[in-house]
Amino acid sequence: MRLPRDLSGADFVRALQSIGYQITRQTGSHMRLTTLERGEHHITVPAHGSLRVGTLSGILGAVAQHLGLSRDELALRLFGPTG
């Protein structure tokens, strides 16, 4: 699945909040999110205007692994069908 381009950190955080992640702190230009679903899990998302595709892919991979989903399944849940 093709990942969205020009996705801001804030938009990505809103998408992650829809599946149970919450902002636990922000230090400088990075936000730390935590979920307690399927055990405790933390991720860090840059609060930049536009996330790089590699950064987005890495975070999606970590979240998907924690939730027991494929990266494509998670991307579909978060962003809907793209392309």
C-alpha atoms as a PDB file:
ATOM      1  CA  MET A   1       0.000   0.000   0.000  1.00  0.00           C
ATOM      2  CA  ARG A   2       1.289   3.433  -0.892  1.00  0.00           C
ATOM      3  CA  LEU A   3       1.796   5.664   2.143  1.00  0.00           C
ATOM      4  CA  PRO A   4       0.400   9.189   2.149  1.00  0.00           C
ATOM      5  CA  ARG A   5       2.783  11.993   1.208  1.00  0.00           C
ATOM      6  CA  ASP A   6       2.948  15.344   3.004  1.00  0.00           C
ATOM      7  CA  LEU A   7       1.401  13.918   6.184  1.00  0.00           C
ATOM      8  CA  SER A   8       2.183  16.160   9.151  1.00  0.00           C
ATOM      9  CA  GLY A   9       3.189  14.793  12.530  1.00  0.00           C
ATOM     10  CA  ALA A  10       0.014  16.251  14.073  1.00  0.00           C
ATOM     11  CA  ASP A  11      -2.183  14.541  11.465  1.00  0.00           C
ATOM     12  CA  PHE A  12      -0.398  11.236  12.058  1.00  0.00           C
ATOM     13  CA  VAL A  13      -0.880  11.584  15.825  1.00  0.00           C
ATOM     14  CA  ARG A  14      -4.630  12.152  15.303  1.00  0.00           C
ATOM     15  CA  ALA A  15      -4.781   8.967  13.224  1.00  0.00           C
ATOM     16  CA  LEU A  16      -2.939   7.010  15.921  1.00  0.00           C
ATOM     17  CA  GLN A  17      -5.264   8.381  18.598  1.00  0.00           C
ATOM     18  CA  SER A  18      -8.156   6.803  16.705  1.00  0.00           C
ATOM     19  CA  ILE A  19      -6.695   3.357  17.449  1.00  0.00           C
ATOM     20  CA  GLY A  20      -5.952   3.953  21.138  1.00  0.00           C
ATOM     21  CA  TYR A  21      -2.662   5.876  21.365  1.00  0.00           C
ATOM     22  CA  GLN A  22      -2.508   8.962  23.584  1.00  0.00           C
ATOM     23  CA  ILE A  23       0.100  11.713  23.826  1.00  0.00           C
ATOM     24  CA  THR A  24       1.957  11.242  27.107  1.00  0.00           C
ATOM     25  CA  ARG A  25       4.520  14.008  26.655  1.00  0.00           C
ATOM     26  CA  GLN A  26       6.113  16.373  24.192  1.00  0.00           C
ATOM     27  CA  THR A  27       9.744  17.368  24.305  1.00  0.00           C
ATOM     28  CA  GLY A  28      10.835  19.907  21.739  1.00  0.00           C
ATOM     29  CA  SER A  29       9.642  18.792  18.330  1.00  0.00           C
ATOM     30  CA  HIS A  30       8.825  15.185  19.254  1.00  0.00           C
ATOM     31  CA  MET A  31       5.668  13.709  20.754  1.00  0.00           C
ATOM     32  CA  ARG A  32       5.643  10.480  22.713  1.00  0.00           C
ATOM     33  CA  LEU A  33       2.515   8.370  22.420  1.00  0.00           C
ATOM     34  CA  THR A  34       1.525   5.419  24.576  1.00  0.00           C
ATOM     35  CA  THR A  35      -1.117   2.730  24.363  1.00  0.00           C
ATOM     36  CA  LEU A  36      -2.079   0.127  26.917  1.00  0.00           C
ATOM     37  CA  GLU A  37      -3.903  -2.069  24.404  1.00  0.00           C
ATOM     38  CA  ARG A  38      -2.235  -5.481  24.071  1.00  0.00           C
ATOM     39  CA  GLY A  39       0.335  -4.382  26.662  1.00  0.00           C
ATOM     40  CA  GLU A  40       2.108  -1.071  27.083  1.00  0.00           C
ATOM     41  CA  HIS A  41       3.739   0.359  23.963  1.00  0.00           C
ATOM     42  CA  HIS A  42       5.488   3.693  23.361  1.00  0.00           C
ATOM     43  CA  ILE A  43       6.350   5.415  20.096  1.00  0.00           C
ATOM     44  CA  THR A  44       7.845   8.787  19.267  1.00  0.00           C
ATOM     45  CA  VAL A  45       6.467  10.902  16.434  1.00  0.00           C
ATOM     46  CA  PRO A  46       8.243  14.015  15.150  1.00  0.00           C
ATOM     47  CA  ALA A  47       5.998  17.101  15.258  1.00  0.00           C
ATOM     48  CA  HIS A  48       7.258  18.233  11.865  1.00  0.00           C
ATOM     49  CA  GLY A  49       5.285  19.811   9.065  1.00  0.00           C
ATOM     50  CA  SER A  50       5.771  16.830   6.783  1.00  0.00           C
ATOM     51  CA  LEU A  51       6.980  13.379   7.831  1.00  0.00           C
ATOM     52  CA  ARG A  52       9.473  11.565   5.641  1.00  0.00           C
ATOM     53  CA  VAL A  53       8.155   8.359   4.121  1.00  0.00           C
ATOM     54  CA  GLY A  54      10.862   6.280   5.827  1.00  0.00           C
ATOM     55  CA  THR A  55       9.989   7.732   9.233  1.00  0.00           C
ATOM     56  CA  LEU A  56       6.295   7.084   8.669  1.00  0.00           C
ATOM     57  CA  SER A  57       7.012   3.545   7.493  1.00  0.00           C
ATOM     58  CA  GLY A  58       9.186   2.781  10.522  1.00  0.00           C
ATOM     59  CA  ILE A  59       6.592   3.996  13.003  1.00  0.00           C
ATOM     60  CA  LEU A  60       3.818   2.114  11.193  1.00  0.00           C
ATOM     61  CA  GLY A  61       5.912  -1.047  11.304  1.00  0.00           C
ATOM     62  CA  ALA A  62       6.442  -0.774  15.061  1.00  0.00           C
ATOM     63  CA  VAL A  63       2.763  -0.098  15.746  1.00  0.00           C
ATOM     64  CA  ALA A  64       1.637  -2.889  13.406  1.00  0.00           C
ATOM     65  CA  GLN A  65       3.952  -5.379  15.087  1.00  0.00           C
ATOM     66  CA  HIS A  66       2.650  -4.410  18.521  1.00  0.00           C
ATOM     67  CA  LEU A  67      -0.979  -4.765  17.403  1.00  0.00           C
ATOM     68  CA  GLY A  68      -0.356  -8.010  15.515  1.00  0.00           C
ATOM     69  CA  LEU A  69      -1.268  -6.550  12.113  1.00  0.00           C
ATOM     70  CA  SER A  70       0.567  -6.227   8.834  1.00  0.00           C
ATOM     71  CA  ARG A  71       1.817  -2.748   7.979  1.00  0.00           C
ATOM     72  CA  ASP A  72      -0.644  -2.595   5.066  1.00  0.00           C
ATOM     73  CA  GLU A  73      -3.610  -3.555   7.289  1.00  0.00           C
ATOM     74  CA  LEU A  74      -2.684  -0.823   9.751  1.00  0.00           C
ATOM     75  CA  ALA A  75      -2.201   1.781   7.005  1.00  0.00           C
ATOM     76  CA  LEU A  76      -5.629   0.891   5.622  1.00  0.00           C
ATOM     77  CA  ARG A  77      -7.210   1.378   9.064  1.00  0.00           C
ATOM     78  CA  LEU A  78      -5.480   4.708   9.613  1.00  0.00           C
ATOM     79  CA  PHE A  79      -5.630   6.299   6.169  1.00  0.00           C
ATOM     80  CA  GLY A  80      -8.255   4.332   4.236  1.00  0.00           C
ATOM     81  CA  PRO A  81      -7.664   3.254   0.646  1.00  0.00           C
ATOM     82  CA  THR A  82      -5.134   5.515  -1.097  1.00  0.00           C
ATOM     83  CA  GLY A  83      -3.974   5.804  -4.632  1.00  0.00           C
END
